[in-house]
N, C-alpha and C. Protein backbone atom coordinates (compact mmCIF):
# COMPACT_ATOMS: atom_id res chain seq x y z
N MET A 1 0.85 -1.17 0.00
CA MET A 1 0.00 0.00 0.00
C MET A 1 0.89 1.23 0.00
N PHE A 2 0.61 2.13 -0.89
CA PHE A 2 1.41 3.34 -0.99
C PHE A 2 0.52 4.56 -0.86
N TRP A 3 1.11 5.68 -0.53
CA TRP A 3 0.40 6.94 -0.36
C TRP A 3 1.24 8.01 -1.03
N PRO A 4 0.63 9.13 -1.37
CA PRO A 4 1.41 10.21 -1.98
C PRO A 4 2.56 10.63 -1.06
N GLY A 5 3.76 10.69 -1.61
CA GLY A 5 4.93 11.11 -0.85
C GLY A 5 5.62 10.00 -0.08
N TRP A 6 5.20 8.74 -0.27
CA TRP A 6 5.78 7.64 0.50
C TRP A 6 7.28 7.51 0.28
N GLN A 7 7.74 7.76 -0.94
CA GLN A 7 9.17 7.61 -1.22
C GLN A 7 10.01 8.58 -0.40
N THR A 8 9.54 9.80 -0.23
CA THR A 8 10.26 10.78 0.57
C THR A 8 10.28 10.37 2.03
N GLU A 9 9.15 9.90 2.55
CA GLU A 9 9.09 9.47 3.94
C GLU A 9 10.02 8.28 4.20
N VAL A 10 10.01 7.32 3.31
CA VAL A 10 10.84 6.13 3.48
C VAL A 10 12.32 6.48 3.32
N ALA A 11 12.65 7.34 2.40
CA ALA A 11 14.06 7.71 2.18
C ALA A 11 14.67 8.39 3.40
N ALA A 12 13.84 9.02 4.21
CA ALA A 12 14.33 9.73 5.40
C ALA A 12 14.59 8.80 6.58
N LEU A 13 14.21 7.54 6.48
CA LEU A 13 14.36 6.59 7.58
C LEU A 13 15.81 6.13 7.71
N GLY A 14 16.21 5.85 8.94
CA GLY A 14 17.49 5.20 9.18
C GLY A 14 17.35 3.71 8.90
N MET A 15 18.45 3.01 8.95
CA MET A 15 18.44 1.57 8.66
C MET A 15 17.70 0.75 9.72
N ARG A 16 17.50 1.30 10.90
CA ARG A 16 16.81 0.56 11.97
C ARG A 16 15.49 1.20 12.34
N SER A 17 14.89 1.88 11.38
CA SER A 17 13.60 2.53 11.62
C SER A 17 12.59 2.05 10.60
N VAL A 18 11.32 2.12 10.98
CA VAL A 18 10.21 1.77 10.10
C VAL A 18 9.12 2.82 10.27
N ILE A 19 8.17 2.80 9.38
CA ILE A 19 7.02 3.69 9.50
C ILE A 19 5.87 2.89 10.11
N THR A 20 5.31 3.41 11.18
CA THR A 20 4.13 2.79 11.76
C THR A 20 2.93 3.64 11.40
N MET A 21 1.79 3.01 11.29
CA MET A 21 0.57 3.72 10.86
C MET A 21 -0.58 3.44 11.81
N TRP A 22 -1.42 4.45 11.94
CA TRP A 22 -2.67 4.28 12.68
C TRP A 22 -3.78 4.92 11.90
N PRO A 23 -4.83 4.24 11.63
CA PRO A 23 -5.10 2.85 11.97
C PRO A 23 -4.14 1.93 11.22
N PRO A 24 -3.93 0.72 11.76
CA PRO A 24 -2.98 -0.23 11.15
C PRO A 24 -3.37 -0.57 9.71
N LEU A 25 -2.38 -0.97 8.94
CA LEU A 25 -2.62 -1.29 7.53
C LEU A 25 -3.64 -2.39 7.31
N PHE A 26 -3.78 -3.29 8.28
CA PHE A 26 -4.72 -4.40 8.09
C PHE A 26 -6.16 -4.00 8.41
N SER A 27 -6.38 -2.76 8.82
CA SER A 27 -7.74 -2.33 9.16
C SER A 27 -8.52 -1.91 7.91
N LYS A 28 -9.82 -1.97 8.01
CA LYS A 28 -10.69 -1.55 6.92
C LYS A 28 -10.47 -0.08 6.58
N GLU A 29 -10.32 0.76 7.61
CA GLU A 29 -10.13 2.20 7.40
C GLU A 29 -8.86 2.50 6.61
N SER A 30 -7.81 1.81 6.96
CA SER A 30 -6.54 2.02 6.28
C SER A 30 -6.60 1.52 4.84
N ALA A 31 -7.23 0.37 4.65
CA ALA A 31 -7.36 -0.18 3.31
C ALA A 31 -8.14 0.74 2.39
N GLU A 32 -9.12 1.44 2.96
CA GLU A 32 -9.94 2.35 2.16
C GLU A 32 -9.25 3.68 1.89
N ASN A 33 -8.34 4.11 2.78
CA ASN A 33 -7.70 5.41 2.61
C ASN A 33 -6.34 5.44 3.30
N VAL A 34 -5.37 4.77 2.71
CA VAL A 34 -4.05 4.71 3.32
C VAL A 34 -3.42 6.09 3.45
N ALA A 35 -3.75 7.01 2.55
CA ALA A 35 -3.21 8.37 2.64
C ALA A 35 -3.74 9.11 3.86
N GLY A 36 -4.87 8.65 4.40
CA GLY A 36 -5.47 9.31 5.55
C GLY A 36 -4.96 8.78 6.89
N THR A 37 -4.01 7.85 6.87
CA THR A 37 -3.48 7.31 8.12
C THR A 37 -2.52 8.30 8.78
N THR A 38 -2.35 8.14 10.07
CA THR A 38 -1.32 8.89 10.79
C THR A 38 -0.07 8.03 10.76
N ARG A 39 1.03 8.60 10.27
CA ARG A 39 2.27 7.85 10.13
C ARG A 39 3.36 8.50 10.95
N SER A 40 4.25 7.65 11.47
CA SER A 40 5.42 8.19 12.17
C SER A 40 6.54 7.15 12.11
N ALA A 41 7.77 7.65 12.16
CA ALA A 41 8.94 6.77 12.18
C ALA A 41 9.17 6.29 13.60
N VAL A 42 9.43 5.00 13.74
CA VAL A 42 9.71 4.40 15.05
C VAL A 42 10.88 3.43 14.89
N PRO A 43 11.58 3.14 15.98
CA PRO A 43 12.64 2.14 15.89
C PRO A 43 12.05 0.77 15.53
N LEU A 44 12.76 0.03 14.70
CA LEU A 44 12.31 -1.29 14.29
C LEU A 44 12.04 -2.17 15.50
N ARG A 45 12.87 -2.09 16.52
CA ARG A 45 12.70 -2.89 17.74
C ARG A 45 11.31 -2.64 18.35
N ASP A 46 10.88 -1.38 18.40
CA ASP A 46 9.57 -1.06 18.98
C ASP A 46 8.43 -1.64 18.15
N GLN A 47 8.56 -1.57 16.82
CA GLN A 47 7.51 -2.11 15.96
C GLN A 47 7.42 -3.63 16.09
N LEU A 48 8.56 -4.30 16.16
CA LEU A 48 8.53 -5.75 16.33
C LEU A 48 7.92 -6.13 17.66
N SER A 49 8.23 -5.38 18.70
CA SER A 49 7.66 -5.64 20.02
C SER A 49 6.14 -5.48 19.98
N PHE A 50 5.67 -4.46 19.30
CA PHE A 50 4.23 -4.24 19.14
C PHE A 50 3.59 -5.43 18.44
N GLN A 51 4.23 -5.93 17.38
CA GLN A 51 3.66 -7.05 16.62
C GLN A 51 3.57 -8.31 17.47
N VAL A 52 4.60 -8.58 18.27
CA VAL A 52 4.60 -9.75 19.15
C VAL A 52 3.48 -9.61 20.19
N ASP A 53 3.37 -8.43 20.79
CA ASP A 53 2.32 -8.19 21.79
C ASP A 53 0.94 -8.32 21.16
N PHE A 54 0.75 -7.76 20.00
CA PHE A 54 -0.53 -7.82 19.30
C PHE A 54 -0.91 -9.27 19.02
N ALA A 55 0.04 -10.04 18.50
CA ALA A 55 -0.23 -11.45 18.19
C ALA A 55 -0.66 -12.19 19.46
N GLY A 56 0.02 -11.94 20.58
CA GLY A 56 -0.32 -12.59 21.83
C GLY A 56 -1.72 -12.25 22.32
N GLN A 57 -2.12 -11.00 22.15
CA GLN A 57 -3.45 -10.58 22.60
C GLN A 57 -4.56 -11.27 21.83
N PHE A 58 -4.28 -11.64 20.60
CA PHE A 58 -5.29 -12.28 19.78
C PHE A 58 -5.09 -13.78 19.65
N GLY A 59 -4.20 -14.33 20.50
CA GLY A 59 -3.98 -15.76 20.50
C GLY A 59 -3.26 -16.28 19.26
N LEU A 60 -2.56 -15.40 18.58
CA LEU A 60 -1.82 -15.80 17.37
C LEU A 60 -0.39 -16.16 17.73
N ALA A 61 0.24 -16.93 16.90
CA ALA A 61 1.63 -17.29 17.12
C ALA A 61 2.50 -16.04 16.99
N ALA A 62 3.55 -15.96 17.79
CA ALA A 62 4.50 -14.87 17.67
C ALA A 62 5.16 -14.93 16.29
N PRO A 63 5.58 -13.79 15.76
CA PRO A 63 6.17 -13.76 14.42
C PRO A 63 7.42 -14.65 14.27
N GLY A 64 8.05 -15.03 15.38
CA GLY A 64 9.22 -15.90 15.29
C GLY A 64 10.50 -15.13 15.58
N PRO A 65 11.60 -15.86 15.68
CA PRO A 65 12.87 -15.20 16.00
C PRO A 65 13.34 -14.36 14.81
N LEU A 66 13.61 -13.13 15.08
CA LEU A 66 14.06 -12.23 14.03
C LEU A 66 15.48 -11.74 14.27
N GLY A 67 16.10 -12.24 15.31
CA GLY A 67 17.46 -11.82 15.60
C GLY A 67 17.49 -10.51 16.35
N GLU A 68 18.66 -10.04 16.59
CA GLU A 68 18.85 -8.77 17.30
C GLU A 68 18.71 -7.62 16.32
N VAL A 69 17.87 -6.67 16.66
CA VAL A 69 17.71 -5.49 15.79
C VAL A 69 18.11 -4.24 16.52
């Protein structure tokens, strides 16, 4: 999923940063209007931690070992 200006936002990231979005990309709202999401750069470690926590809350398997980031 891309939004206007995504290349500029991504180019500004460091090697250990990612863009997080709210509402999340898997939500209906985001799928309908990804350009309308709130985006911010966060450390990759924080995003992975969020994903593991989210999976646990919904009884899903953890994403697996990803190594040290």
